[in-house]
C-alpha atoms as a PDB file:
ATOM      1  CA  MET A   1     -73.454 -19.625 -28.576  1.00  0.00           C
ATOM      2  CA  ALA A   2     -70.083 -19.813 -26.949  1.00  0.00           C
ATOM      3  CA  PRO A   3     -70.058 -23.614 -27.953  1.00  0.00           C
ATOM      4  CA  PHE A   4     -71.080 -23.124 -31.470  1.00  0.00           C
ATOM      5  CA  ILE A   5     -68.427 -20.192 -32.221  1.00  0.00           C
ATOM      6  CA  LEU A   6     -66.155 -23.434 -30.338  1.00  0.00           C
ATOM      7  CA  GLN A   7     -67.072 -26.046 -32.332  1.00  0.00           C
ATOM      8  CA  CYS A   8     -66.688 -23.657 -36.165  1.00  0.00           C
ATOM      9  CA  ILE A   9     -63.374 -23.323 -34.765  1.00  0.00           C
ATOM     10  CA  HIS A  10     -62.181 -26.258 -33.469  1.00  0.00           C
ATOM     11  CA  LYS A  11     -63.839 -28.148 -37.116  1.00  0.00           C
ATOM     12  CA  PHE A  12     -61.516 -24.995 -39.708  1.00  0.00           C
ATOM     13  CA  ASN A  13     -59.566 -26.189 -42.017  1.00  0.00           C
ATOM     14  CA  PRO A  14     -58.051 -23.724 -44.468  1.00  0.00           C
ATOM     15  CA  ASP A  15     -59.626 -25.693 -47.883  1.00  0.00           C
ATOM     16  CA  LYS A  16     -63.098 -23.468 -48.557  1.00  0.00           C
ATOM     17  CA  HIS A  17     -64.760 -26.158 -49.633  1.00  0.00           C
ATOM     18  CA  LYS A  18     -64.072 -28.625 -46.767  1.00  0.00           C
ATOM     19  CA  LEU A  19     -64.842 -25.807 -44.147  1.00  0.00           C
ATOM     20  CA  TYR A  20     -68.299 -24.906 -45.534  1.00  0.00           C
ATOM     21  CA  PHE A  21     -69.584 -28.414 -45.231  1.00  0.00           C
ATOM     22  CA  SER A  22     -67.778 -27.834 -41.564  1.00  0.00           C
ATOM     23  CA  MET A  23     -69.783 -25.182 -41.499  1.00  0.00           C
ATOM     24  CA  GLN A  24     -72.733 -26.546 -42.593  1.00  0.00           C
ATOM     25  CA  GLU A  25     -72.694 -29.785 -40.181  1.00  0.00           C
ATOM     26  CA  ILE A  26     -72.021 -27.384 -37.472  1.00  0.00           C
ATOM     27  CA  HIS A  27     -75.083 -25.532 -38.422  1.00  0.00           C
ATOM     28  CA  ASP A  28     -77.228 -29.135 -39.148  1.00  0.00           C
ATOM     29  CA  GLU A  29     -76.544 -30.239 -35.775  1.00  0.00           C
ATOM     30  CA  ALA A  30     -77.186 -26.331 -34.171  1.00  0.00           C
ATOM     31  CA  LEU A  31     -80.534 -26.654 -35.621  1.00  0.00           C
ATOM     32  CA  SER A  32     -81.206 -29.983 -34.708  1.00  0.00           C
ATOM     33  CA  PHE A  33     -80.411 -29.352 -30.827  1.00  0.00           C
ATOM     34  CA  GLY A  34     -81.791 -26.194 -31.331  1.00  0.00           C
ATOM     35  CA  ARG A  35     -85.530 -28.110 -32.607  1.00  0.00           C
ATOM     36  CA  ASN A  36     -84.718 -30.913 -29.949  1.00  0.00           C
ATOM     37  CA  LEU A  37     -84.542 -28.285 -26.940  1.00  0.00           C
ATOM     38  CA  ILE A  38     -87.989 -26.529 -28.056  1.00  0.00           C
ATOM     39  CA  ASP A  39     -90.097 -29.526 -28.696  1.00  0.00           C
ATOM     40  CA  GLN A  40     -88.701 -31.537 -25.899  1.00  0.00           C
ATOM     41  CA  THR A  41     -89.506 -28.313 -23.601  1.00  0.00           C
ATOM     42  CA  ILE A  42     -92.614 -27.482 -24.967  1.00  0.00           C
ATOM     43  CA  HIS A  43     -93.527 -31.575 -24.327  1.00  0.00           C
ATOM     44  CA  GLN A  44     -93.079 -31.015 -20.759  1.00  0.00           C
ATOM     45  CA  SER A  45     -94.156 -27.701 -20.418  1.00  0.00           C
ATOM     46  CA  GLU A  46     -96.780 -28.483 -17.606  1.00  0.00           C
ATOM     47  CA  GLU A  47     -94.271 -30.473 -15.555  1.00  0.00           C
ATOM     48  CA  PHE A  48     -91.923 -28.573 -15.833  1.00  0.00           C
ATOM     49  CA  ALA A  49     -94.420 -25.562 -14.322  1.00  0.00           C
ATOM     50  CA  GLU A  50     -95.407 -27.629 -11.482  1.00  0.00           C
ATOM     51  CA  LEU A  51     -91.430 -28.426 -10.419  1.00  0.00           C
ATOM     52  CA  ILE A  52     -90.576 -24.898 -10.546  1.00  0.00           C
ATOM     53  CA  LYS A  53     -93.684 -24.250  -8.746  1.00  0.00           C
ATOM     54  CA  THR A  54     -92.445 -26.093  -5.597  1.00  0.00           C
ATOM     55  CA  LYS A  55     -89.294 -23.674  -5.492  1.00  0.00           C
ATOM     56  CA  LEU A  56     -91.571 -20.723  -5.078  1.00  0.00           C
ATOM     57  CA  VAL A  57     -91.770 -19.491  -1.463  1.00  0.00           C
ATOM     58  CA  ASN A  58     -94.538 -16.760  -1.333  1.00  0.00           C
ATOM     59  CA  TRP A  59     -94.057 -15.886  -5.093  1.00  0.00           C
ATOM     60  CA  ASP A  60     -96.989 -17.053  -7.524  1.00  0.00           C
ATOM     61  CA  LEU A  61     -96.054 -18.769 -11.218  1.00  0.00           C
ATOM     62  CA  ASP A  62     -98.532 -15.627 -12.252  1.00  0.00           C
ATOM     63  CA  ARG A  63     -96.167 -12.937 -11.205  1.00  0.00           C
ATOM     64  CA  ILE A  64     -93.030 -14.112 -12.356  1.00  0.00           C
ATOM     65  CA  ALA A  65     -91.909 -12.869 -15.720  1.00  0.00           C
ATOM     66  CA  TYR A  66     -92.516 -15.065 -18.736  1.00  0.00           C
ATOM     67  CA  ILE A  67     -89.124 -15.102 -19.952  1.00  0.00           C
ATOM     68  CA  ASP A  68     -88.129 -16.228 -16.917  1.00  0.00           C
ATOM     69  CA  ILE A  69     -90.323 -19.408 -16.863  1.00  0.00           C
ATOM     70  CA  ILE A  70     -89.388 -20.140 -20.272  1.00  0.00           C
ATOM     71  CA  LEU A  71     -85.801 -19.864 -19.314  1.00  0.00           C
ATOM     72  CA  MET A  72     -85.836 -22.195 -16.133  1.00  0.00           C
ATOM     73  CA  LYS A  73     -88.138 -25.076 -18.438  1.00  0.00           C
ATOM     74  CA  MET A  74     -85.387 -24.675 -21.214  1.00  0.00           C
ATOM     75  CA  ALA A  75     -82.493 -24.964 -18.165  1.00  0.00           C
ATOM     76  CA  LEU A  76     -84.673 -28.224 -17.272  1.00  0.00           C
ATOM     77  CA  THR A  77     -84.847 -29.680 -20.235  1.00  0.00           C
ATOM     78  CA  GLU A  78     -81.016 -29.602 -20.493  1.00  0.00           C
ATOM     79  CA  PHE A  79     -80.465 -30.772 -16.909  1.00  0.00           C
ATOM     80  CA  LEU A  80     -83.078 -33.824 -17.994  1.00  0.00           C
ATOM     81  CA  HIS A  81     -82.454 -34.894 -21.774  1.00  0.00           C
ATOM     82  CA  PHE A  82     -78.606 -33.273 -23.087  1.00  0.00           C
ATOM     83  CA  PRO A  83     -76.525 -35.812 -21.233  1.00  0.00           C
ATOM     84  CA  PHE A  84     -73.299 -33.971 -22.581  1.00  0.00           C
ATOM     85  CA  ILE A  85     -73.909 -30.955 -22.147  1.00  0.00           C
ATOM     86  CA  PRO A  86     -72.552 -30.159 -17.706  1.00  0.00           C
ATOM     87  CA  VAL A  87     -75.465 -28.653 -15.324  1.00  0.00           C
ATOM     88  CA  LYS A  88     -72.976 -25.673 -14.443  1.00  0.00           C
ATOM     89  CA  VAL A  89     -72.969 -24.806 -18.335  1.00  0.00           C
ATOM     90  CA  THR A  90     -76.705 -24.954 -18.455  1.00  0.00           C
ATOM     91  CA  MET A  91     -76.720 -22.816 -15.489  1.00  0.00           C
ATOM     92  CA  ASN A  92     -74.396 -20.469 -16.611  1.00  0.00           C
ATOM     93  CA  GLU A  93     -75.926 -19.913 -19.952  1.00  0.00           C
ATOM     94  CA  TYR A  94     -79.702 -19.394 -19.005  1.00  0.00           C
ATOM     95  CA  ILE A  95     -78.185 -16.619 -16.288  1.00  0.00           C
ATOM     96  CA  ASP A  96     -76.525 -15.381 -19.009  1.00  0.00           C
ATOM     97  CA  LEU A  97     -79.437 -15.453 -21.326  1.00  0.00           C
ATOM     98  CA  ALA A  98     -81.122 -13.591 -18.311  1.00  0.00           C
ATOM     99  CA  LYS A  99     -79.116 -10.555 -17.455  1.00  0.00           C
ATOM    100  CA  ASP A 100     -79.536 -10.113 -21.452  1.00  0.00           C
ATOM    101  CA  TYR A 101     -83.275 -10.488 -21.719  1.00  0.00           C
ATOM    102  CA  SER A 102     -85.230 -10.354 -18.740  1.00  0.00           C
ATOM    103  CA  THR A 103     -85.260  -7.752 -15.244  1.00  0.00           C
ATOM    104  CA  PRO A 104     -82.484  -6.689 -13.723  1.00  0.00           C
ATOM    105  CA  LYS A 105     -82.894  -9.060 -10.834  1.00  0.00           C
ATOM    106  CA  SER A 106     -83.859 -12.017 -12.841  1.00  0.00           C
ATOM    107  CA  LYS A 107     -80.530 -13.455 -12.836  1.00  0.00           C
ATOM    108  CA  GLU A 108     -79.926 -14.211  -9.494  1.00  0.00           C
ATOM    109  CA  PHE A 109     -83.834 -15.622  -9.025  1.00  0.00           C
ATOM    110  CA  ILE A 110     -83.503 -17.958 -11.529  1.00  0.00           C
ATOM    111  CA  ASN A 111     -80.286 -18.984  -9.980  1.00  0.00           C
ATOM    112  CA  GLY A 112     -81.621 -19.560  -6.941  1.00  0.00           C
ATOM    113  CA  ILE A 113     -84.844 -21.274  -8.173  1.00  0.00           C
ATOM    114  CA  LEU A 114     -81.921 -23.662 -10.549  1.00  0.00           C
ATOM    115  CA  ASP A 115     -79.941 -24.163  -7.830  1.00  0.00           C
ATOM    116  CA  GLU A 116     -82.598 -25.341  -5.864  1.00  0.00           C
ATOM    117  CA  LEU A 117     -84.181 -27.726  -8.937  1.00  0.00           C
ATOM    118  CA  THR A 118     -80.768 -29.096  -9.578  1.00  0.00           C
ATOM    119  CA  LYS A 119     -80.266 -30.483  -5.358  1.00  0.00           C
ATOM    120  CA  THR A 120     -84.021 -32.192  -6.100  1.00  0.00           C
ATOM    121  CA  LEU A 121     -83.234 -33.297  -9.388  1.00  0.00           C
ATOM    122  CA  ARG A 122     -79.888 -35.078  -8.346  1.00  0.00           C
ATOM    123  CA  GLU A 123     -80.986 -36.514  -5.063  1.00  0.00           C
ATOM    124  CA  GLN A 124     -84.019 -38.076  -7.340  1.00  0.00           C
ATOM    125  CA  GLY A 125     -81.534 -39.415  -9.495  1.00  0.00           C
ATOM    126  CA  SER A 126     -82.992 -37.657 -12.856  1.00  0.00           C
ATOM    127  CA  ILE A 127     -80.303 -36.007 -13.737  1.00  0.00           C
ATOM    128  CA  GLN A 128     -78.230 -38.270 -15.916  1.00  0.00           C
ATOM    129  CA  LYS A 129     -74.899 -36.752 -16.885  1.00  0.00           C
ATOM    130  CA  ARG A 130     -72.726 -38.971 -19.275  1.00  0.00           C
ATOM    131  CA  GLY A 131     -69.014 -38.246 -20.640  1.00  0.00           C
ATOM    132  CA  ARG A 132     -65.643 -37.131 -19.633  1.00  0.00           C
ATOM    133  CA  GLY A 133     -65.626 -35.167 -16.336  1.00  0.00           C
ATOM    134  CA  LEU A 134     -69.512 -34.890 -16.750  1.00  0.00           C
ATOM    135  CA  VAL A 135     -70.286 -37.748 -14.077  1.00  0.00           C
ATOM    136  CA  GLU A 136     -70.622 -36.487 -10.505  1.00  0.00           C
END
């Protein structure tokens, strides 16, 4: 949520009417982002599950906390379909979500799996980031 708050601050205008419309615009953008993220994650859920399985050593996907699987799939969606969000930002956000909503060891587990997945996806040329400071 930090990017949403920063957007609000950057769009702050002392005129109440302008502020309301700025807030509404940000709300609409956040809502659109959320819907797109969910739609893309659901659309590629099976594909992402298979991708995650390739990085599991001595683990079955059925043994992993369901919230961890969802978080990793959402992170994969951001890696592959949101070209203006840096990989490191995505990793940090989903690791933080794991800290708050999953098991005590989930943050390390998710970090390790996502790190391995980003290496593979970069080697394949699948992660395409655009914008200042995002091109590696």
